[in-house]
């Protein structure tokens, strides 16, 4: 099957491209290398270095190929930047996505998979009465920033396309993905940031008191969910996560043990609007495709530490 992956030189996208190539697919990837890396590009895939906003070039990719499936991961992803440049973010994350959907619809693709953010679109997981539970796909949506609002806008357009045109699409709401190739210099990615700084014996900064909790999922499990969605021709919205909340303090402690880091963290002010708790109920993906995460947190963190150690020794 010929498959297009946008954002295919990025952290998650490059792992997905590798898996698709390994399973025998003919893979095309698009990336402008703004946050992706040339080093991540699989040499067995056809690489188009371009912006998703270049509609003429995007159209040529479709006319010159016979694309049967699309995985859409390409996006601008800095939450704080999204609040400073809402128009620029919407141009890439919403308008370009709509153009990609139109090209895909015209080409008659068999499957379109959009990677959304379960860590962003639901909002705060702690209720007014202090109770909490894992978010399900039926829970209310409450984005707290323009990045999350962009994700939700694309989701709603895809839902409309599915109902109006029978457009074959699935929306995967990912938890906080971590693993090799994650950028330690980025805004997000606490595991990558902590790991590199600990191995360099640098100061670790934690926003707030570190009790805020997230759902951490290893990148290979995220990729497996994409392959399952393709195999089962998934339709609709699905949460993809570990189903377990882990605090930032717990991440710090586990990584400190693995890296033999002995310095105390420095607590700094939390960003305005940051939620205390967000984790996902993934029972729908399990019941629909038989998918579940296989890499536990300890093993995943161990893998990351080994990877970063090897990179730092180069």
C-alpha atoms as a PDB file:
ATOM      1  CA  UNK A   1       0.000   0.000   0.000  1.00  0.00           C
ATOM      2  CA  UNK A   2       1.271   3.500  -0.797  1.00  0.00           C
ATOM      3  CA  UNK A   3       1.067   5.596   2.366  1.00  0.00           C
ATOM      4  CA  UNK A   4       1.742   9.287   2.971  1.00  0.00           C
ATOM      5  CA  UNK A   5       2.981  10.429   6.395  1.00  0.00           C
ATOM      6  CA  UNK A   6       3.033  14.162   7.109  1.00  0.00           C
ATOM      7  CA  UNK A   7       5.529  15.150   9.772  1.00  0.00           C
ATOM      8  CA  UNK A   8       7.432  12.007   8.848  1.00  0.00           C
ATOM      9  CA  UNK A   9      10.816  13.337   9.978  1.00  0.00           C
ATOM     10  CA  UNK A  10       9.555  14.239  13.432  1.00  0.00           C
ATOM     11  CA  UNK A  11       9.679  12.277  16.653  1.00  0.00           C
ATOM     12  CA  UNK A  12       6.555  10.129  16.312  1.00  0.00           C
ATOM     13  CA  UNK A  13       6.260  10.388  12.537  1.00  0.00           C
ATOM     14  CA  UNK A  14       9.729   8.991  11.886  1.00  0.00           C
ATOM     15  CA  UNK A  15       9.057   5.957  14.069  1.00  0.00           C
ATOM     16  CA  UNK A  16       5.794   5.422  12.172  1.00  0.00           C
ATOM     17  CA  UNK A  17       7.580   5.682   8.808  1.00  0.00           C
ATOM     18  CA  UNK A  18      10.140   3.109   9.959  1.00  0.00           C
ATOM     19  CA  UNK A  19       7.393   0.694  11.002  1.00  0.00           C
ATOM     20  CA  UNK A  20       5.466   1.126   7.743  1.00  0.00           C
ATOM     21  CA  UNK A  21       8.621   0.570   5.681  1.00  0.00           C
ATOM     22  CA  UNK A  22       9.489  -2.506   7.748  1.00  0.00           C
ATOM     23  CA  UNK A  23       6.050  -3.996   7.071  1.00  0.00           C
ATOM     24  CA  UNK A  24       6.490  -3.618   3.315  1.00  0.00           C
ATOM     25  CA  UNK A  25       4.548  -0.467   2.506  1.00  0.00           C
ATOM     26  CA  UNK A  26       5.571   2.111  -0.102  1.00  0.00           C
ATOM     27  CA  UNK A  27       5.990   5.196   2.092  1.00  0.00           C
ATOM     28  CA  UNK A  28       6.067   8.880   1.180  1.00  0.00           C
ATOM     29  CA  UNK A  29       6.879  11.418   3.861  1.00  0.00           C
ATOM     30  CA  UNK A  30       6.435  15.173   3.956  1.00  0.00           C
ATOM     31  CA  UNK A  31       8.309  17.391   6.400  1.00  0.00           C
ATOM     32  CA  UNK A  32       9.713  20.921   6.301  1.00  0.00           C
ATOM     33  CA  UNK A  33      12.352  19.993   8.927  1.00  0.00           C
ATOM     34  CA  UNK A  34      11.290  22.925  11.105  1.00  0.00           C
ATOM     35  CA  UNK A  35      11.098  20.604  14.100  1.00  0.00           C
ATOM     36  CA  UNK A  36      11.839  17.336  12.309  1.00  0.00           C
ATOM     37  CA  UNK A  37      15.353  16.135  11.559  1.00  0.00           C
ATOM     38  CA  UNK A  38      17.085  14.942   8.413  1.00  0.00           C
ATOM     39  CA  UNK A  39      18.716  12.259  10.568  1.00  0.00           C
ATOM     40  CA  UNK A  40      15.260  10.793  11.228  1.00  0.00           C
ATOM     41  CA  UNK A  41      14.406  10.368   7.534  1.00  0.00           C
ATOM     42  CA  UNK A  42      14.155   6.729   6.492  1.00  0.00           C
ATOM     43  CA  UNK A  43      16.191   6.346   3.305  1.00  0.00           C
ATOM     44  CA  UNK A  44      13.775   3.708   2.006  1.00  0.00           C
ATOM     45  CA  UNK A  45      10.930   6.241   1.964  1.00  0.00           C
ATOM     46  CA  UNK A  46      10.335   8.970  -0.622  1.00  0.00           C
ATOM     47  CA  UNK A  47      11.063  12.273   1.146  1.00  0.00           C
ATOM     48  CA  UNK A  48       9.400  15.531   0.103  1.00  0.00           C
ATOM     49  CA  UNK A  49      10.826  18.513   1.945  1.00  0.00           C
ATOM     50  CA  UNK A  50       8.024  21.071   1.819  1.00  0.00           C
ATOM     51  CA  UNK A  51       5.475  22.996   3.837  1.00  0.00           C
ATOM     52  CA  UNK A  52       1.948  21.690   4.186  1.00  0.00           C
ATOM     53  CA  UNK A  53       0.818  25.230   3.345  1.00  0.00           C
ATOM     54  CA  UNK A  54       2.346  24.935  -0.154  1.00  0.00           C
ATOM     55  CA  UNK A  55      -0.881  23.764  -1.741  1.00  0.00           C
ATOM     56  CA  UNK A  56       0.512  23.553  -5.290  1.00  0.00           C
ATOM     57  CA  UNK A  57       3.383  21.317  -4.203  1.00  0.00           C
ATOM     58  CA  UNK A  58       1.050  19.220  -2.078  1.00  0.00           C
ATOM     59  CA  UNK A  59      -1.228  18.767  -5.071  1.00  0.00           C
ATOM     60  CA  UNK A  60       1.699  17.532  -7.153  1.00  0.00           C
ATOM     61  CA  UNK A  61       2.536  14.902  -4.539  1.00  0.00           C
ATOM     62  CA  UNK A  62      -0.942  13.475  -4.972  1.00  0.00           C
ATOM     63  CA  UNK A  63      -1.044  13.699  -8.779  1.00  0.00           C
ATOM     64  CA  UNK A  64       2.364  12.024  -9.165  1.00  0.00           C
ATOM     65  CA  UNK A  65       1.533   9.140  -6.851  1.00  0.00           C
ATOM     66  CA  UNK A  66      -1.306   6.752  -6.063  1.00  0.00           C
ATOM     67  CA  UNK A  67      -1.697   7.414  -2.359  1.00  0.00           C
ATOM     68  CA  UNK A  68      -4.000   4.953  -0.628  1.00  0.00           C
ATOM     69  CA  UNK A  69      -3.662   6.010   3.010  1.00  0.00           C
ATOM     70  CA  UNK A  70      -2.606   9.136   4.903  1.00  0.00           C
ATOM     71  CA  UNK A  71      -1.267   9.573   8.425  1.00  0.00           C
ATOM     72  CA  UNK A  72      -1.434  13.258   9.316  1.00  0.00           C
ATOM     73  CA  UNK A  73       1.035  14.243  12.043  1.00  0.00           C
ATOM     74  CA  UNK A  74       2.543  17.407  10.542  1.00  0.00           C
ATOM     75  CA  UNK A  75       1.791  20.469  12.657  1.00  0.00           C
ATOM     76  CA  UNK A  76       3.161  23.372  14.638  1.00  0.00           C
ATOM     77  CA  UNK A  77       3.163  22.083  18.202  1.00  0.00           C
ATOM     78  CA  UNK A  78       4.443  24.724  20.648  1.00  0.00           C
ATOM     79  CA  UNK A  79       1.598  25.510  23.052  1.00  0.00           C
ATOM     80  CA  UNK A  80       2.969  28.830  24.287  1.00  0.00           C
ATOM     81  CA  UNK A  81       3.798  29.922  20.738  1.00  0.00           C
ATOM     82  CA  UNK A  82       0.244  29.060  19.667  1.00  0.00           C
ATOM     83  CA  UNK A  83      -1.057  31.689  22.086  1.00  0.00           C
ATOM     84  CA  UNK A  84       1.316  34.303  20.654  1.00  0.00           C
ATOM     85  CA  UNK A  85       0.648  33.500  16.981  1.00  0.00           C
ATOM     86  CA  UNK A  86      -2.909  32.156  16.695  1.00  0.00           C
ATOM     87  CA  UNK A  87      -3.311  33.125  13.032  1.00  0.00           C
ATOM     88  CA  UNK A  88      -0.047  31.506  11.970  1.00  0.00           C
ATOM     89  CA  UNK A  89      -0.897  28.356  13.892  1.00  0.00           C
ATOM     90  CA  UNK A  90      -4.352  28.123  12.351  1.00  0.00           C
ATOM     91  CA  UNK A  91      -2.870  28.541   8.858  1.00  0.00           C
ATOM     92  CA  UNK A  92      -0.679  25.472   9.313  1.00  0.00           C
ATOM     93  CA  UNK A  93      -2.676  23.343  11.698  1.00  0.00           C
ATOM     94  CA  UNK A  94      -6.208  23.969  10.422  1.00  0.00           C
ATOM     95  CA  UNK A  95      -6.201  25.409   6.890  1.00  0.00           C
ATOM     96  CA  UNK A  96      -3.421  23.139   5.611  1.00  0.00           C
ATOM     97  CA  UNK A  97      -5.135  20.144   7.190  1.00  0.00           C
ATOM     98  CA  UNK A  98      -8.360  20.983   5.374  1.00  0.00           C
ATOM     99  CA  UNK A  99      -6.457  21.224   2.094  1.00  0.00           C
ATOM    100  CA  UNK A 100      -4.878  17.824   2.799  1.00  0.00           C
ATOM    101  CA  UNK A 101      -8.310  16.362   3.506  1.00  0.00           C
ATOM    102  CA  UNK A 102      -9.602  17.697   0.195  1.00  0.00           C
ATOM    103  CA  UNK A 103      -6.657  16.231  -1.715  1.00  0.00           C
ATOM    104  CA  UNK A 104      -7.154  12.915   0.051  1.00  0.00           C
ATOM    105  CA  UNK A 105     -10.876  12.893  -0.686  1.00  0.00           C
ATOM    106  CA  UNK A 106     -10.291  13.672  -4.358  1.00  0.00           C
ATOM    107  CA  UNK A 107      -7.699  10.885  -4.544  1.00  0.00           C
ATOM    108  CA  UNK A 108     -10.119   8.395  -2.993  1.00  0.00           C
ATOM    109  CA  UNK A 109      -7.790   7.364  -0.167  1.00  0.00           C
ATOM    110  CA  UNK A 110      -8.864   4.244   1.699  1.00  0.00           C
ATOM    111  CA  UNK A 111      -7.819   5.477   5.152  1.00  0.00           C
ATOM    112  CA  UNK A 112      -7.013   8.871   6.687  1.00  0.00           C
ATOM    113  CA  UNK A 113      -5.640   8.874  10.236  1.00  0.00           C
ATOM    114  CA  UNK A 114      -5.282  12.142  12.130  1.00  0.00           C
ATOM    115  CA  UNK A 115      -3.103  12.288  15.226  1.00  0.00           C
ATOM    116  CA  UNK A 116      -4.793  14.508  17.780  1.00  0.00           C
ATOM    117  CA  UNK A 117      -3.916  15.177  21.419  1.00  0.00           C
ATOM    118  CA  UNK A 118      -5.714  13.522  24.301  1.00  0.00           C
ATOM    119  CA  UNK A 119      -3.406  15.445  26.594  1.00  0.00           C
ATOM    120  CA  UNK A 120      -4.716  18.764  25.266  1.00  0.00           C
ATOM    121  CA  UNK A 121      -8.321  18.606  24.054  1.00  0.00           C
ATOM    122  CA  UNK A 122     -10.013  17.397  27.258  1.00  0.00           C
ATOM    123  CA  UNK A 123      -8.689  20.035  29.653  1.00  0.00           C
ATOM    124  CA  UNK A 124      -8.624  19.528  33.421  1.00  0.00           C
ATOM    125  CA  UNK A 125      -9.174  16.004  34.739  1.00  0.00           C
ATOM    126  CA  UNK A 126      -9.866  16.966  38.347  1.00  0.00           C
ATOM    127  CA  UNK A 127     -13.531  17.816  38.885  1.00  0.00           C
ATOM    128  CA  UNK A 128     -14.905  20.576  41.092  1.00  0.00           C
ATOM    129  CA  UNK A 129     -15.655  18.055  43.850  1.00  0.00           C
ATOM    130  CA  UNK A 130     -12.060  16.794  43.788  1.00  0.00           C
ATOM    131  CA  UNK A 131     -12.857  13.511  42.043  1.00  0.00           C
ATOM    132  CA  UNK A 132     -11.160  12.340  38.870  1.00  0.00           C
ATOM    133  CA  UNK A 133     -11.265   9.585  36.282  1.00  0.00           C
ATOM    134  CA  UNK A 134      -9.654   8.705  32.983  1.00  0.00           C
ATOM    135  CA  UNK A 135     -11.096  10.652  30.065  1.00  0.00           C
ATOM    136  CA  UNK A 136     -13.248   8.704  27.617  1.00  0.00           C
ATOM    137  CA  UNK A 137     -14.032   9.690  24.048  1.00  0.00           C
ATOM    138  CA  UNK A 138     -17.499  10.753  25.215  1.00  0.00           C
ATOM    139  CA  UNK A 139     -16.263  13.282  27.771  1.00  0.00           C
ATOM    140  CA  UNK A 140     -16.703  17.015  27.089  1.00  0.00           C
ATOM    141  CA  UNK A 141     -13.962  18.767  25.159  1.00  0.00           C
ATOM    142  CA  UNK A 142     -12.358  21.760  26.863  1.00  0.00           C
ATOM    143  CA  UNK A 143      -9.194  22.999  25.102  1.00  0.00           C
ATOM    144  CA  UNK A 144      -7.074  25.437  27.102  1.00  0.00           C
ATOM    145  CA  UNK A 145      -4.867  26.870  24.340  1.00  0.00           C
ATOM    146  CA  UNK A 146      -4.831  27.545  20.591  1.00  0.00           C
ATOM    147  CA  UNK A 147      -2.847  24.398  19.835  1.00  0.00           C
ATOM    148  CA  UNK A 148      -5.578  22.265  21.424  1.00  0.00           C
ATOM    149  CA  UNK A 149      -8.278  24.346  19.732  1.00  0.00           C
ATOM    150  CA  UNK A 150      -6.582  23.682  16.369  1.00  0.00           C
ATOM    151  CA  UNK A 151      -6.636  19.939  17.047  1.00  0.00           C
ATOM    152  CA  UNK A 152     -10.309  20.072  17.941  1.00  0.00           C
ATOM    153  CA  UNK A 153     -11.152  22.087  14.823  1.00  0.00           C
ATOM    154  CA  UNK A 154      -9.565  19.435  12.596  1.00  0.00           C
ATOM    155  CA  UNK A 155     -11.399  16.700  14.494  1.00  0.00           C
ATOM    156  CA  UNK A 156     -14.707  18.441  13.863  1.00  0.00           C
ATOM    157  CA  UNK A 157     -13.970  18.888  10.161  1.00  0.00           C
ATOM    158  CA  UNK A 158     -13.088  15.191   9.903  1.00  0.00           C
ATOM    159  CA  UNK A 159     -16.321  14.234  11.647  1.00  0.00           C
ATOM    160  CA  UNK A 160     -18.230  16.395   9.169  1.00  0.00           C
ATOM    161  CA  UNK A 161     -16.376  14.834   6.219  1.00  0.00           C
ATOM    162  CA  UNK A 162     -17.092  11.360   7.527  1.00  0.00           C
ATOM    163  CA  UNK A 163     -20.811  12.109   7.775  1.00  0.00           C
ATOM    164  CA  UNK A 164     -21.173  14.209   4.615  1.00  0.00           C
ATOM    165  CA  UNK A 165     -18.847  12.352   2.236  1.00  0.00           C
ATOM    166  CA  UNK A 166     -18.311   8.976   3.912  1.00  0.00           C
ATOM    167  CA  UNK A 167     -14.674  10.036   4.235  1.00  0.00           C
ATOM    168  CA  UNK A 168     -12.775   7.067   5.732  1.00  0.00           C
ATOM    169  CA  UNK A 169     -11.081   8.676   8.717  1.00  0.00           C
ATOM    170  CA  UNK A 170      -9.958   7.900  12.243  1.00  0.00           C
ATOM    171  CA  UNK A 171      -8.863  10.324  14.947  1.00  0.00           C
ATOM    172  CA  UNK A 172      -6.318   9.060  17.460  1.00  0.00           C
ATOM    173  CA  UNK A 173      -6.077  11.171  20.594  1.00  0.00           C
ATOM    174  CA  UNK A 174      -2.571  10.472  21.833  1.00  0.00           C
ATOM    175  CA  UNK A 175      -1.451  10.734  25.434  1.00  0.00           C
ATOM    176  CA  UNK A 176       1.996  12.182  26.276  1.00  0.00           C
ATOM    177  CA  UNK A 177       4.292  10.202  23.985  1.00  0.00           C
ATOM    178  CA  UNK A 178       7.930   9.698  24.941  1.00  0.00           C
ATOM    179  CA  UNK A 179      10.853   7.708  23.576  1.00  0.00           C
ATOM    180  CA  UNK A 180      14.012   7.900  21.436  1.00  0.00           C
ATOM    181  CA  UNK A 181      14.326  10.866  19.021  1.00  0.00           C
ATOM    182  CA  UNK A 182      12.192  13.178  21.161  1.00  0.00           C
ATOM    183  CA  UNK A 183      13.676  16.671  21.117  1.00  0.00           C
ATOM    184  CA  UNK A 184      15.219  17.584  24.502  1.00  0.00           C
ATOM    185  CA  UNK A 185      15.300  21.227  23.422  1.00  0.00           C
ATOM    186  CA  UNK A 186      11.568  21.480  22.777  1.00  0.00           C
ATOM    187  CA  UNK A 187       8.857  22.990  24.928  1.00  0.00           C
ATOM    188  CA  UNK A 188       7.242  19.649  25.671  1.00  0.00           C
ATOM    189  CA  UNK A 189       8.758  16.246  26.279  1.00  0.00           C
ATOM    190  CA  UNK A 190       9.627  16.219  29.958  1.00  0.00           C
ATOM    191  CA  UNK A 191      11.207  12.745  29.698  1.00  0.00           C
ATOM    192  CA  UNK A 192      13.629  13.825  26.963  1.00  0.00           C
ATOM    193  CA  UNK A 193      14.452  17.090  28.712  1.00  0.00           C
ATOM    194  CA  UNK A 194      15.049  15.512  32.120  1.00  0.00           C
ATOM    195  CA  UNK A 195      17.089  12.624  30.706  1.00  0.00           C
ATOM    196  CA  UNK A 196      19.584  14.749  28.787  1.00  0.00           C
ATOM    197  CA  UNK A 197      19.954  17.295  31.585  1.00  0.00           C
ATOM    198  CA  UNK A 198      20.471  14.567  34.186  1.00  0.00           C
ATOM    199  CA  UNK A 199      23.100  12.798  32.103  1.00  0.00           C
ATOM    200  CA  UNK A 200      24.894  16.153  31.776  1.00  0.00           C
ATOM    201  CA  UNK A 201      24.431  16.737  35.530  1.00  0.00           C
ATOM    202  CA  UNK A 202      22.597  19.974  34.829  1.00  0.00           C
ATOM    203  CA  UNK A 203      19.901  21.646  36.904  1.00  0.00           C
ATOM    204  CA  UNK A 204      16.414  20.156  36.568  1.00  0.00           C
ATOM    205  CA  UNK A 205      13.496  22.576  36.692  1.00  0.00           C
ATOM    206  CA  UNK A 206       9.997  21.419  37.564  1.00  0.00           C
ATOM    207  CA  UNK A 207       7.006  23.658  36.966  1.00  0.00           C
ATOM    208  CA  UNK A 208       5.087  23.987  40.233  1.00  0.00           C
ATOM    209  CA  UNK A 209       5.368  21.306  42.896  1.00  0.00           C
ATOM    210  CA  UNK A 210       5.560  18.394  40.453  1.00  0.00           C
ATOM    211  CA  UNK A 211       2.318  16.777  41.568  1.00  0.00           C
ATOM    212  CA  UNK A 212       0.639  17.401  38.210  1.00  0.00           C
ATOM    213  CA  UNK A 213       0.062  14.066  36.476  1.00  0.00           C
ATOM    214  CA  UNK A 214      -0.023  12.957  32.852  1.00  0.00           C
ATOM    215  CA  UNK A 215      -0.532   9.768  30.849  1.00  0.00           C
ATOM    216  CA  UNK A 216       2.850   8.678  29.444  1.00  0.00           C
ATOM    217  CA  UNK A 217       2.931   6.260  26.492  1.00  0.00           C
ATOM    218  CA  UNK A 218       6.049   4.826  24.859  1.00  0.00           C
ATOM    219  CA  UNK A 219       6.451   5.712  21.192  1.00  0.00           C
ATOM    220  CA  UNK A 220       6.411   2.112  19.886  1.00  0.00           C
ATOM    221  CA  UNK A 221       2.987   1.617  21.474  1.00  0.00           C
ATOM    222  CA  UNK A 222       1.746   4.798  19.795  1.00  0.00           C
ATOM    223  CA  UNK A 223       3.026   3.514  16.448  1.00  0.00           C
ATOM    224  CA  UNK A 224       1.336   0.155  17.031  1.00  0.00           C
ATOM    225  CA  UNK A 225      -1.968   1.974  17.498  1.00  0.00           C
ATOM    226  CA  UNK A 226      -1.499   3.628  14.093  1.00  0.00           C
ATOM    227  CA  UNK A 227      -0.810   0.287  12.433  1.00  0.00           C
ATOM    228  CA  UNK A 228      -3.870  -1.206  14.136  1.00  0.00           C
ATOM    229  CA  UNK A 229      -6.067   1.674  13.008  1.00  0.00           C
ATOM    230  CA  UNK A 230      -4.889   1.116   9.433  1.00  0.00           C
ATOM    231  CA  UNK A 231      -5.316  -2.657   9.563  1.00  0.00           C
ATOM    232  CA  UNK A 232      -8.834  -2.469  11.006  1.00  0.00           C
ATOM    233  CA  UNK A 233      -9.909   0.522   8.860  1.00  0.00           C
ATOM    234  CA  UNK A 234     -10.823   2.421  12.011  1.00  0.00           C
ATOM    235  CA  UNK A 235     -13.577   5.027  11.929  1.00  0.00           C
ATOM    236  CA  UNK A 236     -14.257   7.647  14.598  1.00  0.00           C
ATOM    237  CA  UNK A 237     -12.376   8.894  17.656  1.00  0.00           C
ATOM    238  CA  UNK A 238     -10.083   6.750  19.821  1.00  0.00           C
ATOM    239  CA  UNK A 239      -7.988   7.483  22.892  1.00  0.00           C
ATOM    240  CA  UNK A 240      -4.457   6.080  22.816  1.00  0.00           C
ATOM    241  CA  UNK A 241      -2.566   6.026  26.111  1.00  0.00           C
ATOM    242  CA  UNK A 242      -1.409   3.937  29.043  1.00  0.00           C
ATOM    243  CA  UNK A 243      -4.543   4.593  31.072  1.00  0.00           C
ATOM    244  CA  UNK A 244      -2.423   5.464  34.117  1.00  0.00           C
ATOM    245  CA  UNK A 245      -1.537   8.887  35.571  1.00  0.00           C
ATOM    246  CA  UNK A 246       2.087   9.524  36.533  1.00  0.00           C
ATOM    247  CA  UNK A 247       3.242  12.678  38.310  1.00  0.00           C
ATOM    248  CA  UNK A 248       6.178  14.764  37.136  1.00  0.00           C
ATOM    249  CA  UNK A 249       7.830  14.039  40.481  1.00  0.00           C
ATOM    250  CA  UNK A 250       7.578  10.307  39.779  1.00  0.00           C
ATOM    251  CA  UNK A 251       9.172  10.793  36.362  1.00  0.00           C
ATOM    252  CA  UNK A 252      11.972  12.764  38.020  1.00  0.00           C
ATOM    253  CA  UNK A 253      12.573  10.088  40.646  1.00  0.00           C
ATOM    254  CA  UNK A 254      12.612   7.191  38.174  1.00  0.00           C
ATOM    255  CA  UNK A 255      14.970   8.967  35.789  1.00  0.00           C
ATOM    256  CA  UNK A 256      17.223  10.152  38.620  1.00  0.00           C
ATOM    257  CA  UNK A 257      17.609   6.532  39.707  1.00  0.00           C
ATOM    258  CA  UNK A 258      18.377   5.343  36.163  1.00  0.00           C
ATOM    259  CA  UNK A 259      20.902   8.126  35.491  1.00  0.00           C
ATOM    260  CA  UNK A 260      22.425   8.228  39.004  1.00  0.00           C
ATOM    261  CA  UNK A 261      21.456  11.885  39.321  1.00  0.00           C
ATOM    262  CA  UNK A 262      21.725  13.213  42.877  1.00  0.00           C
ATOM    263  CA  UNK A 263      20.801  16.889  42.634  1.00  0.00           C
ATOM    264  CA  UNK A 264      17.480  18.194  43.938  1.00  0.00           C
ATOM    265  CA  UNK A 265      15.111  19.703  41.374  1.00  0.00           C
ATOM    266  CA  UNK A 266      14.356  23.422  41.295  1.00  0.00           C
ATOM    267  CA  UNK A 267      10.661  24.262  41.422  1.00  0.00           C
ATOM    268  CA  UNK A 268       9.627  27.199  39.247  1.00  0.00           C
ATOM    269  CA  UNK A 269       6.330  28.900  38.486  1.00  0.00           C
ATOM    270  CA  UNK A 270       3.785  26.853  36.555  1.00  0.00           C
ATOM    271  CA  UNK A 271       2.503  28.192  33.233  1.00  0.00           C
ATOM    272  CA  UNK A 272      -0.934  29.778  33.395  1.00  0.00           C
ATOM    273  CA  UNK A 273      -3.646  27.313  32.372  1.00  0.00           C
ATOM    274  CA  UNK A 274      -1.618  24.131  32.865  1.00  0.00           C
ATOM    275  CA  UNK A 275      -3.931  21.343  34.021  1.00  0.00           C
ATOM    276  CA  UNK A 276      -3.294  19.280  37.152  1.00  0.00           C
ATOM    277  CA  UNK A 277      -4.374  15.920  35.771  1.00  0.00           C
ATOM    278  CA  UNK A 278      -5.020  14.289  32.405  1.00  0.00           C
ATOM    279  CA  UNK A 279      -5.082  10.583  31.582  1.00  0.00           C
ATOM    280  CA  UNK A 280      -7.017   8.469  29.103  1.00  0.00           C
ATOM    281  CA  UNK A 281      -9.404   5.542  29.104  1.00  0.00           C
ATOM    282  CA  UNK A 282      -8.354   3.379  26.138  1.00  0.00           C
ATOM    283  CA  UNK A 283     -10.999   0.657  26.346  1.00  0.00           C
ATOM    284  CA  UNK A 284     -12.522   1.629  22.980  1.00  0.00           C
ATOM    285  CA  UNK A 285      -9.253   1.005  21.109  1.00  0.00           C
ATOM    286  CA  UNK A 286      -8.840  -2.278  22.986  1.00  0.00           C
ATOM    287  CA  UNK A 287     -12.332  -3.504  22.174  1.00  0.00           C
ATOM    288  CA  UNK A 288     -12.270  -2.235  18.569  1.00  0.00           C
ATOM    289  CA  UNK A 289      -8.812  -3.395  17.437  1.00  0.00           C
ATOM    290  CA  UNK A 290      -7.411  -5.416  20.326  1.00  0.00           C
ATOM    291  CA  UNK A 291      -4.768  -2.732  20.883  1.00  0.00           C
ATOM    292  CA  UNK A 292      -3.144  -2.124  24.260  1.00  0.00           C
ATOM    293  CA  UNK A 293       0.161  -0.701  25.379  1.00  0.00           C
ATOM    294  CA  UNK A 294       2.936  -3.256  25.895  1.00  0.00           C
ATOM    295  CA  UNK A 295       5.889  -1.195  27.159  1.00  0.00           C
ATOM    296  CA  UNK A 296       5.620  -0.285  30.837  1.00  0.00           C
ATOM    297  CA  UNK A 297       6.966   3.010  32.133  1.00  0.00           C
ATOM    298  CA  UNK A 298      10.097   1.601  33.751  1.00  0.00           C
ATOM    299  CA  UNK A 299      11.158  -0.219  30.576  1.00  0.00           C
ATOM    300  CA  UNK A 300      10.347   2.774  28.409  1.00  0.00           C
ATOM    301  CA  UNK A 301      12.384   5.145  30.562  1.00  0.00           C
ATOM    302  CA  UNK A 302      15.264   2.668  30.580  1.00  0.00           C
ATOM    303  CA  UNK A 303      15.177   2.602  26.770  1.00  0.00           C
ATOM    304  CA  UNK A 304      15.259   6.394  26.624  1.00  0.00           C
ATOM    305  CA  UNK A 305      18.224   6.660  28.990  1.00  0.00           C
ATOM    306  CA  UNK A 306      20.209   4.121  26.939  1.00  0.00           C
ATOM    307  CA  UNK A 307      19.377   5.964  23.714  1.00  0.00           C
ATOM    308  CA  UNK A 308      20.373   9.389  25.048  1.00  0.00           C
ATOM    309  CA  UNK A 309      23.574   7.974  26.552  1.00  0.00           C
ATOM    310  CA  UNK A 310      24.517   6.582  23.144  1.00  0.00           C
ATOM    311  CA  UNK A 311      23.724   9.887  21.425  1.00  0.00           C
ATOM    312  CA  UNK A 312      25.813  11.883  23.895  1.00  0.00           C
ATOM    313  CA  UNK A 313      28.783   9.581  23.319  1.00  0.00           C
ATOM    314  CA  UNK A 314      28.837  10.238  19.570  1.00  0.00           C
END
